[in-house]
N, C-alpha and C. Protein backbone atom coordinates (compact mmCIF):
# COMPACT_ATOMS: atom_id res chain seq x y z
N UNK A 1 3.79 -36.80 21.84
CA UNK A 1 4.70 -36.54 20.75
C UNK A 1 3.97 -35.88 19.59
N UNK A 2 2.76 -36.30 19.31
CA UNK A 2 2.00 -35.69 18.22
C UNK A 2 1.76 -34.21 18.49
N UNK A 3 1.50 -33.84 19.74
CA UNK A 3 1.28 -32.45 20.07
C UNK A 3 2.50 -31.61 19.75
N UNK A 4 3.66 -32.12 20.05
CA UNK A 4 4.89 -31.38 19.75
C UNK A 4 5.06 -31.20 18.25
N UNK A 5 4.76 -32.21 17.49
CA UNK A 5 4.88 -32.11 16.03
C UNK A 5 3.91 -31.07 15.49
N UNK A 6 2.70 -31.08 15.99
CA UNK A 6 1.70 -30.11 15.53
C UNK A 6 2.14 -28.70 15.91
N UNK A 7 2.55 -28.51 17.15
CA UNK A 7 3.01 -27.19 17.58
C UNK A 7 4.22 -26.74 16.77
N UNK A 8 5.13 -27.67 16.51
CA UNK A 8 6.30 -27.33 15.71
C UNK A 8 5.92 -26.90 14.31
N UNK A 9 4.94 -27.56 13.74
CA UNK A 9 4.48 -27.21 12.39
C UNK A 9 3.84 -25.83 12.39
N UNK A 10 3.02 -25.56 13.41
CA UNK A 10 2.38 -24.25 13.49
C UNK A 10 3.41 -23.17 13.68
N UNK A 11 4.39 -23.39 14.56
CA UNK A 11 5.42 -22.39 14.82
C UNK A 11 6.21 -22.08 13.55
N UNK A 12 6.59 -23.11 12.80
CA UNK A 12 7.37 -22.84 11.59
C UNK A 12 6.49 -22.19 10.53
N UNK A 13 5.20 -22.52 10.53
CA UNK A 13 4.26 -21.91 9.59
C UNK A 13 4.20 -20.40 9.83
N UNK A 14 4.11 -19.98 11.08
CA UNK A 14 4.03 -18.57 11.41
C UNK A 14 5.38 -17.89 11.21
N UNK A 15 6.45 -18.50 11.67
CA UNK A 15 7.77 -17.88 11.60
C UNK A 15 8.26 -17.70 10.17
N UNK A 16 7.90 -18.61 9.27
CA UNK A 16 8.39 -18.49 7.90
C UNK A 16 7.61 -17.44 7.11
N UNK A 17 6.53 -16.91 7.70
CA UNK A 17 5.75 -15.92 7.00
C UNK A 17 4.69 -16.52 6.10
N UNK A 18 4.58 -17.84 6.11
CA UNK A 18 3.59 -18.51 5.26
C UNK A 18 2.17 -18.09 5.61
N UNK A 19 1.92 -17.86 6.90
CA UNK A 19 0.57 -17.47 7.33
C UNK A 19 0.15 -16.19 6.64
N UNK A 20 1.06 -15.26 6.48
CA UNK A 20 0.71 -14.00 5.85
C UNK A 20 0.31 -14.22 4.40
N UNK A 21 0.99 -15.13 3.71
CA UNK A 21 0.64 -15.40 2.31
C UNK A 21 -0.72 -16.08 2.20
N UNK A 22 -1.01 -16.98 3.13
CA UNK A 22 -2.30 -17.67 3.12
C UNK A 22 -3.42 -16.67 3.38
N UNK A 23 -3.27 -15.83 4.41
CA UNK A 23 -4.31 -14.85 4.74
C UNK A 23 -4.48 -13.83 3.62
N UNK A 24 -3.37 -13.37 3.04
CA UNK A 24 -3.45 -12.40 1.94
C UNK A 24 -4.19 -13.03 0.76
N UNK A 25 -3.88 -14.26 0.44
CA UNK A 25 -4.56 -14.94 -0.66
C UNK A 25 -6.06 -15.08 -0.37
N UNK A 26 -6.40 -15.40 0.86
CA UNK A 26 -7.80 -15.53 1.27
C UNK A 26 -8.52 -14.19 1.09
N UNK A 27 -7.89 -13.10 1.50
CA UNK A 27 -8.50 -11.77 1.35
C UNK A 27 -8.66 -11.41 -0.13
N UNK A 28 -7.64 -11.70 -0.94
CA UNK A 28 -7.73 -11.41 -2.38
C UNK A 28 -8.86 -12.19 -3.03
N UNK A 29 -9.00 -13.45 -2.65
CA UNK A 29 -10.08 -14.27 -3.22
C UNK A 29 -11.45 -13.73 -2.83
N UNK A 30 -11.58 -13.26 -1.58
CA UNK A 30 -12.84 -12.68 -1.14
C UNK A 30 -13.21 -11.44 -1.95
N UNK A 31 -12.23 -10.60 -2.22
CA UNK A 31 -12.49 -9.41 -3.02
C UNK A 31 -12.83 -9.79 -4.46
N UNK A 32 -12.12 -10.77 -5.00
CA UNK A 32 -12.36 -11.19 -6.38
C UNK A 32 -13.79 -11.71 -6.56
N UNK A 33 -14.36 -12.32 -5.53
CA UNK A 33 -15.72 -12.84 -5.62
C UNK A 33 -16.74 -11.73 -5.86
N UNK A 34 -16.41 -10.51 -5.47
CA UNK A 34 -17.33 -9.38 -5.69
C UNK A 34 -16.80 -8.45 -6.79
N UNK A 35 -15.84 -8.96 -7.58
CA UNK A 35 -15.33 -8.20 -8.72
C UNK A 35 -14.41 -7.06 -8.36
N UNK A 36 -13.74 -7.17 -7.22
CA UNK A 36 -12.84 -6.09 -6.77
C UNK A 36 -11.46 -6.65 -6.45
N UNK A 37 -10.53 -5.76 -6.11
CA UNK A 37 -9.17 -6.15 -5.76
C UNK A 37 -8.86 -5.71 -4.33
N UNK A 38 -7.94 -6.41 -3.71
CA UNK A 38 -7.56 -6.13 -2.33
C UNK A 38 -6.60 -4.95 -2.23
N UNK A 39 -6.88 -4.07 -1.27
CA UNK A 39 -5.89 -3.07 -0.85
C UNK A 39 -5.58 -3.42 0.59
N UNK A 40 -4.37 -3.94 0.84
CA UNK A 40 -3.96 -4.38 2.16
C UNK A 40 -3.43 -3.19 2.95
N UNK A 41 -4.10 -2.88 4.05
CA UNK A 41 -3.69 -1.76 4.89
C UNK A 41 -2.64 -2.15 5.90
N UNK A 42 -2.80 -3.31 6.51
CA UNK A 42 -1.91 -3.68 7.60
C UNK A 42 -1.94 -5.19 7.77
N UNK A 43 -0.80 -5.74 8.12
CA UNK A 43 -0.69 -7.16 8.42
C UNK A 43 0.19 -7.29 9.65
N UNK A 44 -0.17 -8.22 10.52
CA UNK A 44 0.55 -8.36 11.78
C UNK A 44 0.72 -9.84 12.09
N UNK A 45 1.95 -10.25 12.36
CA UNK A 45 2.23 -11.64 12.69
C UNK A 45 2.18 -11.91 14.19
N UNK A 46 1.63 -10.98 14.96
CA UNK A 46 1.56 -11.16 16.41
C UNK A 46 0.12 -11.36 16.85
N UNK A 47 -0.02 -11.85 18.06
CA UNK A 47 -1.34 -11.93 18.66
C UNK A 47 -2.06 -13.22 18.36
N UNK A 48 -3.31 -13.25 18.74
CA UNK A 48 -4.14 -14.42 18.53
C UNK A 48 -5.37 -13.97 17.75
N UNK A 49 -5.67 -14.47 16.59
CA UNK A 49 -4.87 -15.48 15.92
C UNK A 49 -3.49 -14.95 15.58
N UNK A 50 -2.57 -15.88 15.26
CA UNK A 50 -1.18 -15.45 15.07
C UNK A 50 -0.98 -14.48 13.89
N UNK A 51 -1.93 -14.44 12.96
CA UNK A 51 -1.80 -13.50 11.85
C UNK A 51 -3.12 -12.79 11.65
N UNK A 52 -3.06 -11.47 11.60
CA UNK A 52 -4.26 -10.70 11.29
C UNK A 52 -3.92 -9.73 10.17
N UNK A 53 -4.88 -9.48 9.33
CA UNK A 53 -4.68 -8.55 8.22
C UNK A 53 -5.89 -7.64 8.12
N UNK A 54 -5.63 -6.40 7.72
CA UNK A 54 -6.69 -5.42 7.56
C UNK A 54 -6.57 -4.82 6.17
N UNK A 55 -7.66 -4.77 5.48
CA UNK A 55 -7.67 -4.18 4.16
C UNK A 55 -9.10 -4.03 3.70
N UNK A 56 -9.27 -3.61 2.47
CA UNK A 56 -10.61 -3.52 1.93
C UNK A 56 -10.56 -3.75 0.43
N UNK A 57 -11.73 -4.05 -0.11
CA UNK A 57 -11.86 -4.35 -1.52
C UNK A 57 -12.13 -3.06 -2.30
N UNK A 58 -11.43 -2.89 -3.41
CA UNK A 58 -11.62 -1.70 -4.22
C UNK A 58 -11.93 -2.10 -5.67
N UNK A 59 -12.79 -1.31 -6.28
CA UNK A 59 -13.14 -1.51 -7.67
C UNK A 59 -12.67 -0.32 -8.50
N UNK A 60 -12.92 -0.34 -9.79
CA UNK A 60 -12.48 0.73 -10.68
C UNK A 60 -12.94 2.12 -10.25
N UNK A 61 -14.13 2.22 -9.67
CA UNK A 61 -14.64 3.53 -9.24
C UNK A 61 -13.92 4.07 -8.01
N UNK A 62 -13.16 3.22 -7.35
CA UNK A 62 -12.45 3.62 -6.13
C UNK A 62 -11.01 4.07 -6.41
N UNK A 63 -10.60 4.07 -7.67
CA UNK A 63 -9.20 4.32 -8.03
C UNK A 63 -9.08 5.58 -8.89
N UNK A 64 -8.05 6.37 -8.61
CA UNK A 64 -7.76 7.59 -9.37
C UNK A 64 -6.40 7.44 -10.03
N UNK A 65 -6.34 7.75 -11.32
CA UNK A 65 -5.07 7.76 -12.05
C UNK A 65 -4.42 9.12 -11.84
N UNK A 66 -3.24 9.12 -11.23
CA UNK A 66 -2.51 10.38 -11.03
C UNK A 66 -1.88 10.81 -12.35
N UNK A 67 -1.43 12.06 -12.46
CA UNK A 67 -0.81 12.52 -13.70
C UNK A 67 0.31 11.59 -14.18
N UNK A 68 0.42 11.48 -15.50
CA UNK A 68 1.45 10.62 -16.10
C UNK A 68 2.85 10.99 -15.64
N UNK A 69 3.06 12.24 -15.28
CA UNK A 69 4.39 12.66 -14.82
C UNK A 69 4.80 11.92 -13.55
N UNK A 70 3.83 11.34 -12.82
CA UNK A 70 4.13 10.57 -11.61
C UNK A 70 3.98 9.08 -11.86
N UNK A 71 2.90 8.68 -12.52
CA UNK A 71 2.74 7.29 -12.92
C UNK A 71 2.28 6.33 -11.84
N UNK A 72 1.17 6.66 -11.18
CA UNK A 72 0.62 5.77 -10.16
C UNK A 72 -0.89 5.92 -10.09
N UNK A 73 -1.51 4.89 -9.55
CA UNK A 73 -2.94 4.94 -9.25
C UNK A 73 -3.08 4.93 -7.74
N UNK A 74 -4.02 5.71 -7.23
CA UNK A 74 -4.24 5.80 -5.79
C UNK A 74 -5.72 5.61 -5.50
N UNK A 75 -6.02 5.40 -4.23
CA UNK A 75 -7.41 5.26 -3.82
C UNK A 75 -8.08 6.61 -3.81
N UNK A 76 -9.30 6.66 -4.31
CA UNK A 76 -10.09 7.88 -4.42
C UNK A 76 -10.40 8.45 -3.04
N UNK A 77 -10.47 9.78 -2.98
CA UNK A 77 -10.89 10.46 -1.76
C UNK A 77 -9.94 10.26 -0.61
N UNK A 78 -10.50 9.97 0.54
CA UNK A 78 -9.70 9.77 1.75
C UNK A 78 -9.99 8.40 2.33
N UNK A 79 -9.90 7.38 1.50
CA UNK A 79 -10.21 6.02 1.92
C UNK A 79 -9.28 5.51 3.01
N UNK A 80 -8.06 6.04 3.04
CA UNK A 80 -7.06 5.61 4.02
C UNK A 80 -6.87 6.73 5.03
N UNK A 81 -6.83 6.39 6.29
CA UNK A 81 -6.64 7.39 7.34
C UNK A 81 -5.22 7.97 7.27
N UNK A 82 -5.12 9.28 7.35
CA UNK A 82 -3.83 9.98 7.42
C UNK A 82 -2.93 9.74 6.22
N UNK A 83 -3.48 9.80 5.02
CA UNK A 83 -2.67 9.68 3.84
C UNK A 83 -3.46 9.17 2.65
N UNK A 84 -2.73 8.92 1.57
CA UNK A 84 -3.32 8.45 0.32
C UNK A 84 -2.71 7.09 -0.01
N UNK A 85 -3.57 6.09 -0.19
CA UNK A 85 -3.12 4.74 -0.49
C UNK A 85 -2.75 4.57 -1.94
N UNK A 86 -1.55 4.06 -2.20
CA UNK A 86 -1.09 3.80 -3.56
C UNK A 86 -1.59 2.42 -3.97
N UNK A 87 -2.36 2.37 -5.05
CA UNK A 87 -2.92 1.11 -5.53
C UNK A 87 -1.97 0.40 -6.48
N UNK A 88 -1.38 1.14 -7.41
CA UNK A 88 -0.42 0.54 -8.36
C UNK A 88 0.55 1.61 -8.83
N UNK A 89 1.69 1.14 -9.33
CA UNK A 89 2.74 2.02 -9.83
C UNK A 89 3.16 1.52 -11.21
N UNK A 90 3.25 2.42 -12.19
CA UNK A 90 3.63 2.06 -13.55
C UNK A 90 5.12 1.81 -13.66
N UNK A 91 5.46 0.81 -14.45
CA UNK A 91 6.88 0.49 -14.67
C UNK A 91 7.59 1.68 -15.33
N UNK A 92 8.77 1.99 -14.83
CA UNK A 92 9.58 3.07 -15.40
C UNK A 92 9.12 4.47 -15.03
N UNK A 93 8.08 4.58 -14.21
CA UNK A 93 7.52 5.88 -13.86
C UNK A 93 8.37 6.61 -12.81
N UNK A 94 8.09 7.87 -12.64
CA UNK A 94 8.74 8.67 -11.60
C UNK A 94 8.49 8.04 -10.23
N UNK A 95 7.27 7.59 -10.00
CA UNK A 95 6.94 6.96 -8.71
C UNK A 95 7.79 5.71 -8.48
N UNK A 96 7.91 4.87 -9.50
CA UNK A 96 8.70 3.65 -9.36
C UNK A 96 10.17 3.99 -9.12
N UNK A 97 10.69 4.93 -9.88
CA UNK A 97 12.10 5.32 -9.70
C UNK A 97 12.37 5.88 -8.31
N UNK A 98 11.34 6.47 -7.71
CA UNK A 98 11.49 7.01 -6.35
C UNK A 98 11.32 5.92 -5.29
N UNK A 99 10.93 4.72 -5.70
CA UNK A 99 10.79 3.62 -4.76
C UNK A 99 9.41 3.45 -4.18
N UNK A 100 8.43 4.15 -4.72
CA UNK A 100 7.05 4.02 -4.26
C UNK A 100 6.49 2.68 -4.76
N UNK A 101 5.75 1.98 -3.90
CA UNK A 101 5.18 0.68 -4.25
C UNK A 101 3.69 0.64 -3.91
N UNK A 102 3.01 -0.33 -4.52
CA UNK A 102 1.60 -0.55 -4.19
C UNK A 102 1.49 -0.80 -2.69
N UNK A 103 0.43 -0.28 -2.10
CA UNK A 103 0.07 -0.40 -0.69
C UNK A 103 0.85 0.57 0.20
N UNK A 104 1.72 1.41 -0.39
CA UNK A 104 2.33 2.49 0.39
C UNK A 104 1.26 3.52 0.70
N UNK A 105 1.44 4.26 1.78
CA UNK A 105 0.53 5.33 2.15
C UNK A 105 1.32 6.64 2.13
N UNK A 106 1.07 7.49 1.12
CA UNK A 106 1.75 8.78 1.01
C UNK A 106 1.01 9.79 1.88
N UNK A 107 1.77 10.46 2.78
CA UNK A 107 1.12 11.44 3.66
C UNK A 107 1.70 12.84 3.53
N UNK A 108 2.80 12.98 2.78
CA UNK A 108 3.36 14.32 2.55
C UNK A 108 4.07 14.35 1.20
N UNK A 109 3.85 15.44 0.46
CA UNK A 109 4.46 15.61 -0.86
C UNK A 109 5.00 17.03 -0.94
N UNK A 110 6.31 17.18 -1.10
CA UNK A 110 6.97 18.49 -1.18
C UNK A 110 6.60 19.39 0.00
N UNK A 111 6.59 18.80 1.19
CA UNK A 111 6.32 19.58 2.39
C UNK A 111 4.86 19.87 2.66
N UNK A 112 3.98 19.42 1.74
CA UNK A 112 2.53 19.64 1.91
C UNK A 112 1.87 18.34 2.38
N UNK A 113 1.11 18.39 3.48
CA UNK A 113 0.41 17.17 3.89
C UNK A 113 -0.64 16.79 2.86
N UNK A 114 -0.79 15.49 2.63
CA UNK A 114 -1.82 14.99 1.72
C UNK A 114 -2.66 13.96 2.48
N UNK A 115 -3.97 14.19 2.47
CA UNK A 115 -4.86 13.25 3.14
C UNK A 115 -5.94 12.73 2.20
N UNK A 116 -6.02 13.33 1.01
CA UNK A 116 -7.00 12.90 0.00
C UNK A 116 -6.29 12.80 -1.34
N UNK A 117 -6.85 12.02 -2.23
CA UNK A 117 -6.24 11.84 -3.55
C UNK A 117 -6.13 13.17 -4.30
N UNK A 118 -7.10 14.05 -4.14
CA UNK A 118 -7.07 15.34 -4.84
C UNK A 118 -5.91 16.21 -4.35
N UNK A 119 -5.57 16.09 -3.05
CA UNK A 119 -4.42 16.83 -2.51
C UNK A 119 -3.13 16.38 -3.20
N UNK A 120 -2.96 15.08 -3.33
CA UNK A 120 -1.76 14.54 -3.96
C UNK A 120 -1.73 14.89 -5.45
N UNK A 121 -2.85 14.77 -6.11
CA UNK A 121 -2.93 15.09 -7.53
C UNK A 121 -2.56 16.56 -7.77
N UNK A 122 -3.08 17.46 -6.96
CA UNK A 122 -2.78 18.90 -7.10
C UNK A 122 -1.30 19.17 -6.86
N UNK A 123 -0.73 18.52 -5.86
CA UNK A 123 0.70 18.72 -5.55
C UNK A 123 1.58 18.24 -6.70
N UNK A 124 1.21 17.11 -7.31
CA UNK A 124 1.99 16.59 -8.45
C UNK A 124 1.87 17.53 -9.63
N UNK A 125 0.66 17.99 -9.92
CA UNK A 125 0.45 18.90 -11.05
C UNK A 125 1.19 20.22 -10.86
N UNK A 126 1.42 20.64 -9.63
CA UNK A 126 2.11 21.89 -9.35
C UNK A 126 3.64 21.74 -9.39
N UNK A 127 4.13 20.53 -9.59
CA UNK A 127 5.58 20.28 -9.64
C UNK A 127 6.08 20.42 -11.07
N UNK A 128 6.91 21.44 -11.34
CA UNK A 128 7.38 21.63 -12.72
C UNK A 128 8.42 20.58 -13.14
N UNK A 129 8.51 20.31 -14.44
CA UNK A 129 9.52 19.37 -14.94
C UNK A 129 10.92 19.80 -14.49
N UNK A 130 11.74 18.82 -14.14
CA UNK A 130 13.11 19.09 -13.70
C UNK A 130 13.25 19.32 -12.20
N UNK A 131 12.13 19.51 -11.52
CA UNK A 131 12.18 19.74 -10.07
C UNK A 131 12.10 18.42 -9.31
N UNK A 132 12.65 18.41 -8.11
CA UNK A 132 12.55 17.26 -7.23
C UNK A 132 11.45 17.49 -6.20
N UNK A 133 10.86 16.39 -5.75
CA UNK A 133 9.84 16.47 -4.71
C UNK A 133 10.17 15.44 -3.64
N UNK A 134 10.19 15.88 -2.40
CA UNK A 134 10.39 14.96 -1.28
C UNK A 134 9.04 14.37 -0.91
N UNK A 135 8.99 13.05 -0.81
CA UNK A 135 7.76 12.34 -0.52
C UNK A 135 7.94 11.55 0.77
N UNK A 136 6.99 11.74 1.68
CA UNK A 136 7.00 10.96 2.93
C UNK A 136 5.84 9.98 2.85
N UNK A 137 6.13 8.74 3.25
CA UNK A 137 5.12 7.69 3.15
C UNK A 137 5.35 6.62 4.22
N UNK A 138 4.34 5.77 4.39
CA UNK A 138 4.44 4.64 5.31
C UNK A 138 4.38 3.34 4.52
N UNK A 139 5.21 2.41 4.93
CA UNK A 139 5.19 1.06 4.36
C UNK A 139 5.44 0.09 5.52
N UNK A 140 4.54 -0.84 5.68
CA UNK A 140 4.68 -1.83 6.76
C UNK A 140 4.95 -1.18 8.11
N UNK A 141 4.16 -0.16 8.42
CA UNK A 141 4.23 0.56 9.70
C UNK A 141 5.51 1.38 9.88
N UNK A 142 6.35 1.48 8.85
CA UNK A 142 7.58 2.27 8.94
C UNK A 142 7.42 3.55 8.14
N UNK A 143 7.85 4.66 8.73
CA UNK A 143 7.82 5.93 8.01
C UNK A 143 9.09 6.03 7.18
N UNK A 144 8.92 6.44 5.92
CA UNK A 144 10.03 6.48 4.98
C UNK A 144 9.98 7.80 4.22
N UNK A 145 11.12 8.20 3.67
CA UNK A 145 11.22 9.40 2.86
C UNK A 145 12.00 9.07 1.59
N UNK A 146 11.53 9.63 0.48
CA UNK A 146 12.22 9.44 -0.80
C UNK A 146 12.14 10.76 -1.57
N UNK A 147 12.90 10.83 -2.65
CA UNK A 147 12.88 12.00 -3.52
C UNK A 147 12.52 11.56 -4.93
N UNK A 148 11.54 12.23 -5.52
CA UNK A 148 11.13 11.96 -6.90
C UNK A 148 11.67 13.06 -7.80
N UNK A 149 12.23 12.67 -8.93
CA UNK A 149 12.76 13.61 -9.90
C UNK A 149 11.76 13.73 -11.05
N UNK A 150 11.22 14.94 -11.25
CA UNK A 150 10.25 15.17 -12.32
C UNK A 150 10.93 15.70 -13.57
């Protein structure tokens, strides 16, 4: 009977998503110990162990502030494979209004592929006020498209 109770507790722990919060907190604490913050690349509730997460620790030197017209910080260079990792989004910014969130991976901006932060920065700077830009990005392994109004 005790085995069933333990298994039941583990199953509900995984199914409720609690495991992801515990693992994410553990990763954040590990980064904080070295004076950095977590950038979570991927989390998976399948397999053994039942929850795995992939990310890396970033510090101030690893982050680029994009133009104010967009209002987001991204990871410097090409830290993320096949796109640019969004580190944070400013409240009320064009990025926020377009639905972009921290940990999204932007891989196309106005029809131009972006694989480095400088690519995205250049594309944003080339967007005149009043114009719209179609942005393609990944969030939680799903490809998404949004439109930003500049």
